Amino acid sequence: MRSQRLSSVALTLATAALLCLPARATEPTAESVEELLRVTQPESMLETIYGQFESGMRAGMQQAVAGQRLSDKQQSILDNAPREFAAVLREELSWARIQGIYVGIYRESFTQEEIDGMLVFYKSPVGQAFVRKMPQVTQRSGQVMQVLAAPMAEKMRAAMERAVAHARSAG
């Protein structure tokens, strides 16, 4: 009788303990992640990034040859290089090539409940406004960062030169 009560108590405690454990988060389905990626339109963000890369490269190349006299052929080569590099980037990191990678990362990183919540948000008018405006936000942020990075790059170059000079004098 006593062992029956102990078994009953043990079973009750085990059941209660199991009920208190957090529910195991379910991995989202590939279909739900693909739907989220369709709704959030990451391709438009990629296009913005490609454009920023090309613009940044063009500005960097112009800065590298500032004050130098270039022949028409040299200038043509420098004018075309950023476009060619951006074309390689577009090919190698096209959405068609990396979509599967993103689906896997999202499935590893989010639960089904989180994906479902994001879908509700991104399908809403506010979520769609966010999706439409993020390429502009990204582009503008990139422009601001380029302005901020220019003085920083100069300071870093000067710091590297000091470090090299210090290392040479210590030898």
N, C-alpha and C. Protein backbone atom coordinates (compact mmCIF):
# COMPACT_ATOMS: atom_id res chain seq x y z
N MET A 1 0.81 -1.18 0.00
CA MET A 1 0.00 0.00 0.00
C MET A 1 0.87 1.26 0.00
N ARG A 2 1.87 1.22 0.90
CA ARG A 2 2.76 2.38 0.99
C ARG A 2 3.55 2.57 -0.31
N SER A 3 4.02 1.47 -0.90
CA SER A 3 4.76 1.57 -2.15
C SER A 3 3.86 2.06 -3.28
N GLN A 4 2.57 1.72 -3.20
CA GLN A 4 1.63 2.21 -4.19
C GLN A 4 1.46 3.72 -4.07
N ARG A 5 1.37 4.21 -2.82
CA ARG A 5 1.26 5.66 -2.60
C ARG A 5 2.52 6.36 -3.06
N LEU A 6 3.69 5.78 -2.77
CA LEU A 6 4.96 6.38 -3.20
C LEU A 6 5.03 6.42 -4.72
N SER A 7 4.62 5.38 -5.37
CA SER A 7 4.62 5.36 -6.83
C SER A 7 3.67 6.41 -7.39
N SER A 8 2.52 6.53 -6.75
CA SER A 8 1.55 7.52 -7.20
C SER A 8 2.10 8.93 -7.00
N VAL A 9 2.74 9.18 -5.85
CA VAL A 9 3.32 10.49 -5.58
C VAL A 9 4.46 10.75 -6.57
N ALA A 10 5.30 9.75 -6.81
CA ALA A 10 6.42 9.91 -7.74
C ALA A 10 5.89 10.22 -9.15
N LEU A 11 4.86 9.53 -9.56
CA LEU A 11 4.28 9.77 -10.87
C LEU A 11 3.69 11.18 -10.95
N THR A 12 3.03 11.62 -9.90
CA THR A 12 2.46 12.96 -9.87
C THR A 12 3.57 14.01 -9.94
N LEU A 13 4.64 13.81 -9.15
CA LEU A 13 5.76 14.76 -9.15
C LEU A 13 6.45 14.78 -10.52
N ALA A 14 6.65 13.64 -11.13
CA ALA A 14 7.30 13.58 -12.43
C ALA A 14 6.44 14.28 -13.49
N THR A 15 5.14 14.07 -13.43
CA THR A 15 4.24 14.73 -14.37
C THR A 15 4.27 16.24 -14.18
N ALA A 16 4.24 16.68 -12.92
CA ALA A 16 4.29 18.12 -12.63
C ALA A 16 5.61 18.71 -13.11
N ALA A 17 6.70 17.97 -12.88
CA ALA A 17 8.01 18.47 -13.32
C ALA A 17 8.05 18.60 -14.84
N LEU A 18 7.51 17.64 -15.54
CA LEU A 18 7.49 17.71 -17.00
C LEU A 18 6.64 18.88 -17.49
N LEU A 19 5.54 19.14 -16.81
CA LEU A 19 4.67 20.24 -17.20
C LEU A 19 5.32 21.60 -16.94
N CYS A 20 6.23 21.63 -15.97
CA CYS A 20 6.90 22.89 -15.64
C CYS A 20 8.06 23.19 -16.58
N LEU A 21 8.56 22.18 -17.27
CA LEU A 21 9.67 22.41 -18.19
C LEU A 21 9.19 23.28 -19.34
N PRO A 22 10.05 24.17 -19.81
CA PRO A 22 9.63 24.98 -20.95
C PRO A 22 9.39 24.09 -22.15
N ALA A 23 8.39 24.44 -22.89
CA ALA A 23 8.08 23.67 -24.10
C ALA A 23 9.24 23.79 -25.07
N ARG A 24 9.58 22.69 -25.70
CA ARG A 24 10.68 22.72 -26.66
C ARG A 24 10.25 23.54 -27.86
N ALA A 25 11.07 24.52 -28.16
CA ALA A 25 10.76 25.37 -29.30
C ALA A 25 10.90 24.56 -30.58
N THR A 26 9.95 24.71 -31.44
CA THR A 26 10.00 23.94 -32.68
C THR A 26 10.78 24.71 -33.74
N GLU A 27 11.54 23.95 -34.48
CA GLU A 27 12.29 24.53 -35.60
C GLU A 27 11.30 24.94 -36.67
N PRO A 28 11.49 26.13 -37.23
CA PRO A 28 10.52 26.56 -38.24
C PRO A 28 10.65 25.73 -39.51
N THR A 29 9.57 25.66 -40.23
CA THR A 29 9.59 24.94 -41.50
C THR A 29 10.33 25.78 -42.54
N ALA A 30 10.90 25.12 -43.50
CA ALA A 30 11.56 25.82 -44.61
C ALA A 30 10.55 26.70 -45.34
N GLU A 31 9.32 26.21 -45.47
CA GLU A 31 8.29 26.96 -46.19
C GLU A 31 7.98 28.28 -45.49
N SER A 32 7.90 28.26 -44.15
CA SER A 32 7.57 29.49 -43.43
C SER A 32 8.72 30.49 -43.52
N VAL A 33 9.95 29.99 -43.48
CA VAL A 33 11.11 30.89 -43.61
C VAL A 33 11.15 31.47 -45.02
N GLU A 34 10.90 30.64 -46.02
CA GLU A 34 10.88 31.14 -47.40
C GLU A 34 9.80 32.20 -47.59
N GLU A 35 8.65 32.00 -46.94
CA GLU A 35 7.59 33.00 -47.01
C GLU A 35 8.05 34.30 -46.36
N LEU A 36 8.70 34.20 -45.20
CA LEU A 36 9.22 35.40 -44.54
C LEU A 36 10.22 36.12 -45.44
N LEU A 37 11.08 35.37 -46.09
CA LEU A 37 12.07 35.99 -46.97
C LEU A 37 11.40 36.62 -48.20
N ARG A 38 10.32 36.03 -48.68
CA ARG A 38 9.59 36.66 -49.79
C ARG A 38 8.98 37.98 -49.34
N VAL A 39 8.40 37.98 -48.15
CA VAL A 39 7.72 39.17 -47.64
C VAL A 39 8.71 40.28 -47.32
N THR A 40 9.89 39.93 -46.82
CA THR A 40 10.87 40.95 -46.42
C THR A 40 11.75 41.41 -47.58
N GLN A 41 11.69 40.75 -48.71
CA GLN A 41 12.38 41.15 -49.93
C GLN A 41 13.88 41.45 -49.74
N PRO A 42 14.64 40.49 -49.27
CA PRO A 42 16.06 40.75 -49.05
C PRO A 42 16.82 41.08 -50.34
N GLU A 43 16.27 40.71 -51.48
CA GLU A 43 16.95 41.04 -52.75
C GLU A 43 17.10 42.55 -52.93
N SER A 44 16.10 43.30 -52.47
CA SER A 44 16.19 44.76 -52.61
C SER A 44 17.30 45.31 -51.72
N MET A 45 17.51 44.71 -50.56
CA MET A 45 18.61 45.12 -49.69
C MET A 45 19.95 44.77 -50.35
N LEU A 46 20.00 43.61 -50.98
CA LEU A 46 21.24 43.22 -51.68
C LEU A 46 21.56 44.21 -52.79
N GLU A 47 20.56 44.63 -53.54
CA GLU A 47 20.79 45.60 -54.61
C GLU A 47 21.38 46.89 -54.05
N THR A 48 20.87 47.32 -52.91
CA THR A 48 21.41 48.51 -52.26
C THR A 48 22.87 48.30 -51.88
N ILE A 49 23.17 47.14 -51.34
CA ILE A 49 24.54 46.83 -50.93
C ILE A 49 25.46 46.78 -52.14
N TYR A 50 25.00 46.17 -53.24
CA TYR A 50 25.82 46.14 -54.45
C TYR A 50 26.14 47.56 -54.92
N GLY A 51 25.10 48.41 -54.93
CA GLY A 51 25.30 49.79 -55.35
C GLY A 51 26.26 50.54 -54.45
N GLN A 52 26.16 50.31 -53.15
CA GLN A 52 27.08 50.96 -52.21
C GLN A 52 28.51 50.48 -52.43
N PHE A 53 28.65 49.20 -52.68
CA PHE A 53 29.98 48.65 -52.94
C PHE A 53 30.59 49.33 -54.16
N GLU A 54 29.81 49.42 -55.22
CA GLU A 54 30.31 50.05 -56.45
C GLU A 54 30.66 51.52 -56.22
N SER A 55 29.79 52.25 -55.53
CA SER A 55 30.05 53.66 -55.24
C SER A 55 31.28 53.83 -54.36
N GLY A 56 31.38 53.01 -53.34
CA GLY A 56 32.54 53.09 -52.45
C GLY A 56 33.84 52.77 -53.16
N MET A 57 33.78 51.78 -54.03
CA MET A 57 34.96 51.42 -54.79
C MET A 57 35.36 52.55 -55.74
N ARG A 58 34.38 53.13 -56.38
CA ARG A 58 34.63 54.25 -57.30
C ARG A 58 35.27 55.41 -56.54
N ALA A 59 34.73 55.75 -55.37
CA ALA A 59 35.28 56.85 -54.56
C ALA A 59 36.70 56.52 -54.10
N GLY A 60 36.92 55.28 -53.69
CA GLY A 60 38.25 54.87 -53.25
C GLY A 60 39.28 54.94 -54.36
N MET A 61 38.88 54.54 -55.55
CA MET A 61 39.80 54.58 -56.69
C MET A 61 40.10 56.02 -57.08
N GLN A 62 39.10 56.89 -57.04
CA GLN A 62 39.32 58.30 -57.35
C GLN A 62 40.27 58.93 -56.33
N GLN A 63 40.09 58.56 -55.08
CA GLN A 63 40.96 59.09 -54.03
C GLN A 63 42.39 58.58 -54.22
N ALA A 64 42.53 57.33 -54.65
CA ALA A 64 43.86 56.74 -54.83
C ALA A 64 44.66 57.44 -55.93
N VAL A 65 43.98 57.98 -56.94
CA VAL A 65 44.68 58.62 -58.05
C VAL A 65 44.51 60.15 -58.05
N ALA A 66 44.00 60.67 -56.95
CA ALA A 66 43.76 62.12 -56.86
C ALA A 66 45.07 62.86 -57.12
N GLY A 67 44.98 63.87 -57.97
CA GLY A 67 46.15 64.70 -58.27
C GLY A 67 47.06 64.13 -59.34
N GLN A 68 46.77 62.93 -59.79
CA GLN A 68 47.60 62.32 -60.84
C GLN A 68 46.95 62.55 -62.20
N ARG A 69 47.79 62.75 -63.17
CA ARG A 69 47.27 62.92 -64.53
C ARG A 69 47.21 61.54 -65.17
N LEU A 70 46.02 61.19 -65.63
CA LEU A 70 45.81 59.87 -66.24
C LEU A 70 45.49 60.03 -67.72
N SER A 71 45.95 59.05 -68.49
CA SER A 71 45.60 59.05 -69.91
C SER A 71 44.12 58.66 -70.03
N ASP A 72 43.54 58.88 -71.19
CA ASP A 72 42.15 58.52 -71.42
C ASP A 72 41.94 57.02 -71.20
N LYS A 73 42.92 56.22 -71.63
CA LYS A 73 42.82 54.77 -71.48
C LYS A 73 42.86 54.39 -70.00
N GLN A 74 43.77 54.99 -69.24
CA GLN A 74 43.85 54.72 -67.81
C GLN A 74 42.55 55.12 -67.10
N GLN A 75 42.03 56.29 -67.45
CA GLN A 75 40.79 56.76 -66.83
C GLN A 75 39.64 55.82 -67.17
N SER A 76 39.60 55.35 -68.40
CA SER A 76 38.55 54.42 -68.82
C SER A 76 38.61 53.13 -68.02
N ILE A 77 39.82 52.62 -67.82
CA ILE A 77 40.00 51.39 -67.03
C ILE A 77 39.49 51.61 -65.61
N LEU A 78 39.87 52.73 -64.99
CA LEU A 78 39.43 53.03 -63.63
C LEU A 78 37.93 53.27 -63.55
N ASP A 79 37.36 53.83 -64.59
CA ASP A 79 35.91 54.06 -64.62
C ASP A 79 35.14 52.75 -64.70
N ASN A 80 35.68 51.79 -65.43
CA ASN A 80 34.98 50.51 -65.64
C ASN A 80 35.21 49.50 -64.52
N ALA A 81 36.31 49.60 -63.81
CA ALA A 81 36.65 48.60 -62.79
C ALA A 81 35.58 48.43 -61.72
N PRO A 82 35.07 49.50 -61.12
CA PRO A 82 34.04 49.29 -60.08
C PRO A 82 32.80 48.56 -60.60
N ARG A 83 32.39 48.87 -61.81
CA ARG A 83 31.22 48.20 -62.39
C ARG A 83 31.51 46.71 -62.59
N GLU A 84 32.72 46.40 -63.06
CA GLU A 84 33.09 45.00 -63.26
C GLU A 84 33.16 44.25 -61.93
N PHE A 85 33.76 44.88 -60.91
CA PHE A 85 33.83 44.25 -59.59
C PHE A 85 32.44 44.04 -59.01
N ALA A 86 31.57 45.02 -59.18
CA ALA A 86 30.20 44.89 -58.68
C ALA A 86 29.46 43.77 -59.42
N ALA A 87 29.75 43.59 -60.69
CA ALA A 87 29.12 42.51 -61.45
C ALA A 87 29.53 41.15 -60.89
N VAL A 88 30.80 41.02 -60.53
CA VAL A 88 31.28 39.77 -59.92
C VAL A 88 30.56 39.55 -58.59
N LEU A 89 30.46 40.61 -57.80
CA LEU A 89 29.77 40.51 -56.51
C LEU A 89 28.32 40.09 -56.71
N ARG A 90 27.64 40.71 -57.68
CA ARG A 90 26.24 40.36 -57.95
C ARG A 90 26.10 38.89 -58.36
N GLU A 91 27.06 38.41 -59.11
CA GLU A 91 27.01 37.01 -59.55
C GLU A 91 27.30 36.06 -58.40
N GLU A 92 28.37 36.32 -57.68
CA GLU A 92 28.79 35.40 -56.62
C GLU A 92 27.87 35.43 -55.41
N LEU A 93 27.27 36.58 -55.14
CA LEU A 93 26.38 36.71 -53.98
C LEU A 93 24.96 37.03 -54.41
N SER A 94 24.54 36.44 -55.52
CA SER A 94 23.17 36.66 -55.98
C SER A 94 22.20 36.01 -55.00
N TRP A 95 20.98 36.52 -54.97
CA TRP A 95 19.98 35.96 -54.07
C TRP A 95 19.73 34.49 -54.39
N ALA A 96 19.73 34.14 -55.66
CA ALA A 96 19.51 32.74 -56.04
C ALA A 96 20.57 31.82 -55.42
N ARG A 97 21.79 32.33 -55.30
CA ARG A 97 22.88 31.52 -54.73
C ARG A 97 22.86 31.45 -53.22
N ILE A 98 22.42 32.51 -52.56
CA ILE A 98 22.53 32.53 -51.11
C ILE A 98 21.21 32.32 -50.37
N GLN A 99 20.12 32.24 -51.08
CA GLN A 99 18.82 32.07 -50.43
C GLN A 99 18.79 30.83 -49.54
N GLY A 100 19.28 29.72 -50.04
CA GLY A 100 19.29 28.49 -49.26
C GLY A 100 20.10 28.61 -47.98
N ILE A 101 21.18 29.37 -48.06
CA ILE A 101 22.01 29.60 -46.87
C ILE A 101 21.21 30.36 -45.83
N TYR A 102 20.49 31.40 -46.28
CA TYR A 102 19.68 32.20 -45.37
C TYR A 102 18.55 31.37 -44.75
N VAL A 103 17.92 30.52 -45.55
CA VAL A 103 16.86 29.66 -45.01
C VAL A 103 17.43 28.81 -43.87
N GLY A 104 18.60 28.23 -44.09
CA GLY A 104 19.22 27.41 -43.05
C GLY A 104 19.56 28.21 -41.80
N ILE A 105 20.11 29.40 -41.99
CA ILE A 105 20.48 30.25 -40.85
C ILE A 105 19.23 30.64 -40.06
N TYR A 106 18.17 31.03 -40.76
CA TYR A 106 16.93 31.41 -40.08
C TYR A 106 16.35 30.21 -39.33
N ARG A 107 16.40 29.05 -39.93
CA ARG A 107 15.85 27.86 -39.27
C ARG A 107 16.64 27.51 -38.03
N GLU A 108 17.95 27.74 -38.05
CA GLU A 108 18.79 27.49 -36.87
C GLU A 108 18.59 28.54 -35.80
N SER A 109 18.26 29.76 -36.21
CA SER A 109 18.26 30.89 -35.29
C SER A 109 16.90 31.20 -34.67
N PHE A 110 15.82 30.90 -35.35
CA PHE A 110 14.49 31.28 -34.89
C PHE A 110 13.62 30.06 -34.68
N THR A 111 12.62 30.23 -33.82
CA THR A 111 11.62 29.19 -33.63
C THR A 111 10.47 29.44 -34.61
N GLN A 112 9.61 28.45 -34.73
CA GLN A 112 8.43 28.63 -35.59
C GLN A 112 7.58 29.77 -35.08
N GLU A 113 7.43 29.87 -33.77
CA GLU A 113 6.64 30.95 -33.18
C GLU A 113 7.22 32.33 -33.55
N GLU A 114 8.53 32.45 -33.52
CA GLU A 114 9.17 33.73 -33.87
C GLU A 114 8.98 34.05 -35.35
N ILE A 115 9.13 33.05 -36.21
CA ILE A 115 8.91 33.26 -37.65
C ILE A 115 7.46 33.68 -37.89
N ASP A 116 6.53 33.00 -37.23
CA ASP A 116 5.11 33.35 -37.38
C ASP A 116 4.86 34.80 -36.94
N GLY A 117 5.47 35.21 -35.84
CA GLY A 117 5.31 36.58 -35.36
C GLY A 117 5.89 37.59 -36.33
N MET A 118 7.05 37.27 -36.90
CA MET A 118 7.65 38.17 -37.89
C MET A 118 6.77 38.26 -39.13
N LEU A 119 6.19 37.14 -39.52
CA LEU A 119 5.31 37.17 -40.69
C LEU A 119 4.11 38.09 -40.44
N VAL A 120 3.55 38.02 -39.25
CA VAL A 120 2.43 38.91 -38.92
C VAL A 120 2.88 40.36 -39.05
N PHE A 121 4.04 40.68 -38.48
CA PHE A 121 4.53 42.06 -38.54
C PHE A 121 4.82 42.49 -39.98
N TYR A 122 5.62 41.70 -40.70
CA TYR A 122 6.04 42.12 -42.03
C TYR A 122 4.91 42.12 -43.06
N LYS A 123 3.84 41.41 -42.79
CA LYS A 123 2.68 41.46 -43.68
C LYS A 123 1.77 42.65 -43.36
N SER A 124 1.97 43.25 -42.19
CA SER A 124 1.14 44.40 -41.80
C SER A 124 1.56 45.64 -42.58
N PRO A 125 0.72 46.67 -42.63
CA PRO A 125 1.10 47.91 -43.33
C PRO A 125 2.39 48.51 -42.77
N VAL A 126 2.57 48.49 -41.47
CA VAL A 126 3.80 49.03 -40.87
C VAL A 126 5.00 48.18 -41.28
N GLY A 127 4.83 46.87 -41.26
CA GLY A 127 5.92 45.98 -41.68
C GLY A 127 6.29 46.18 -43.13
N GLN A 128 5.29 46.36 -43.98
CA GLN A 128 5.57 46.60 -45.40
C GLN A 128 6.23 47.95 -45.62
N ALA A 129 5.86 48.96 -44.82
CA ALA A 129 6.54 50.26 -44.91
C ALA A 129 8.01 50.09 -44.51
N PHE A 130 8.26 49.29 -43.49
CA PHE A 130 9.63 49.01 -43.06
C PHE A 130 10.41 48.37 -44.20
N VAL A 131 9.84 47.38 -44.83
CA VAL A 131 10.51 46.68 -45.94
C VAL A 131 10.80 47.65 -47.09
N ARG A 132 9.82 48.48 -47.44
CA ARG A 132 10.01 49.43 -48.55
C ARG A 132 11.08 50.47 -48.25
N LYS A 133 11.16 50.90 -47.01
CA LYS A 133 12.06 52.00 -46.66
C LYS A 133 13.46 51.56 -46.25
N MET A 134 13.65 50.30 -45.91
CA MET A 134 14.97 49.86 -45.44
C MET A 134 16.08 50.02 -46.48
N PRO A 135 15.84 49.80 -47.77
CA PRO A 135 16.92 50.06 -48.72
C PRO A 135 17.39 51.52 -48.68
N GLN A 136 16.45 52.45 -48.53
CA GLN A 136 16.82 53.86 -48.44
C GLN A 136 17.59 54.13 -47.14
N VAL A 137 17.12 53.52 -46.05
CA VAL A 137 17.80 53.69 -44.77
C VAL A 137 19.22 53.13 -44.86
N THR A 138 19.36 51.97 -45.47
CA THR A 138 20.67 51.35 -45.62
C THR A 138 21.58 52.21 -46.49
N GLN A 139 21.05 52.71 -47.58
CA GLN A 139 21.85 53.56 -48.48
C GLN A 139 22.30 54.82 -47.76
N ARG A 140 21.39 55.49 -47.09
CA ARG A 140 21.72 56.73 -46.38
C ARG A 140 22.71 56.45 -45.25
N SER A 141 22.52 55.35 -44.54
CA SER A 141 23.44 54.98 -43.47
C SER A 141 24.84 54.75 -44.03
N GLY A 142 24.91 54.10 -45.18
CA GLY A 142 26.21 53.87 -45.82
C GLY A 142 26.90 55.16 -46.20
N GLN A 143 26.11 56.11 -46.69
CA GLN A 143 26.68 57.41 -47.06
C GLN A 143 27.23 58.13 -45.82
N VAL A 144 26.48 58.10 -44.75
CA VAL A 144 26.92 58.74 -43.51
C VAL A 144 28.17 58.05 -42.98
N MET A 145 28.19 56.74 -43.03
CA MET A 145 29.36 55.99 -42.54
C MET A 145 30.60 56.29 -43.37
N GLN A 146 30.44 56.47 -44.69
CA GLN A 146 31.59 56.83 -45.52
C GLN A 146 32.17 58.17 -45.09
N VAL A 147 31.30 59.11 -44.80
CA VAL A 147 31.77 60.43 -44.35
C VAL A 147 32.50 60.29 -43.01
N LEU A 148 31.94 59.49 -42.11
CA LEU A 148 32.58 59.30 -40.81
C LEU A 148 33.87 58.48 -40.91
N ALA A 149 33.93 57.58 -41.87
CA ALA A 149 35.08 56.69 -41.99
C ALA A 149 36.31 57.38 -42.57
N ALA A 150 36.12 58.41 -43.38
CA ALA A 150 37.26 59.07 -44.02
C ALA A 150 38.26 59.61 -43.00
N PRO A 151 37.84 60.41 -42.02
CA PRO A 151 38.82 60.88 -41.03
C PRO A 151 39.39 59.74 -40.19
N MET A 152 38.57 58.76 -39.91
CA MET A 152 39.04 57.62 -39.13
C MET A 152 40.12 56.87 -39.89
N ALA A 153 39.94 56.69 -41.19
CA ALA A 153 40.93 55.99 -42.00
C ALA A 153 42.26 56.72 -41.97
N GLU A 154 42.20 58.04 -42.02
CA GLU A 154 43.43 58.84 -41.96
C GLU A 154 44.11 58.67 -40.60
N LYS A 155 43.34 58.67 -39.54
CA LYS A 155 43.90 58.48 -38.19
C LYS A 155 44.51 57.08 -38.06
N MET A 156 43.85 56.09 -38.63
CA MET A 156 44.37 54.72 -38.56
C MET A 156 45.67 54.60 -39.36
N ARG A 157 45.72 55.23 -40.54
CA ARG A 157 46.94 55.22 -41.33
C ARG A 157 48.08 55.85 -40.56
N ALA A 158 47.83 57.00 -39.93
CA ALA A 158 48.85 57.68 -39.14
C ALA A 158 49.30 56.82 -37.95
N ALA A 159 48.35 56.15 -37.30
CA ALA A 159 48.69 55.27 -36.17
C ALA A 159 49.55 54.10 -36.63
N MET A 160 49.24 53.55 -37.80
CA MET A 160 50.05 52.44 -38.34
C MET A 160 51.46 52.92 -38.65
N GLU A 161 51.58 54.09 -39.24
CA GLU A 161 52.90 54.64 -39.54
C GLU A 161 53.71 54.85 -38.27
N ARG A 162 53.06 55.36 -37.21
CA ARG A 162 53.75 55.55 -35.93
C ARG A 162 54.20 54.21 -35.37
N ALA A 163 53.34 53.20 -35.45
CA ALA A 163 53.67 51.88 -34.92
C ALA A 163 54.86 51.29 -35.68
N VAL A 164 54.86 51.42 -37.00
CA VAL A 164 55.97 50.89 -37.80
C VAL A 164 57.25 51.64 -37.46
N ALA A 165 57.18 52.97 -37.35
CA ALA A 165 58.36 53.77 -36.99
C ALA A 165 58.86 53.39 -35.60
N HIS A 166 57.94 53.17 -34.67
CA HIS A 166 58.33 52.78 -33.31
C HIS A 166 59.00 51.40 -33.32
N ALA A 167 58.45 50.50 -34.10
CA ALA A 167 59.02 49.14 -34.18
C ALA A 167 60.41 49.19 -34.79
N ARG A 168 60.61 50.01 -35.80
CA ARG A 168 61.93 50.13 -36.43
C ARG A 168 62.94 50.72 -35.46
N SER A 169 62.52 51.72 -34.69
CA SER A 169 63.46 52.37 -33.76
C SER A 169 63.77 51.47 -32.57
N ALA A 170 62.90 50.52 -32.26
CA ALA A 170 63.14 49.62 -31.14
C ALA A 170 64.09 48.50 -31.51
N GLY A 171 64.30 48.27 -32.79
CA GLY A 171 65.09 47.15 -33.26
C GLY A 171 66.52 47.34 -33.10
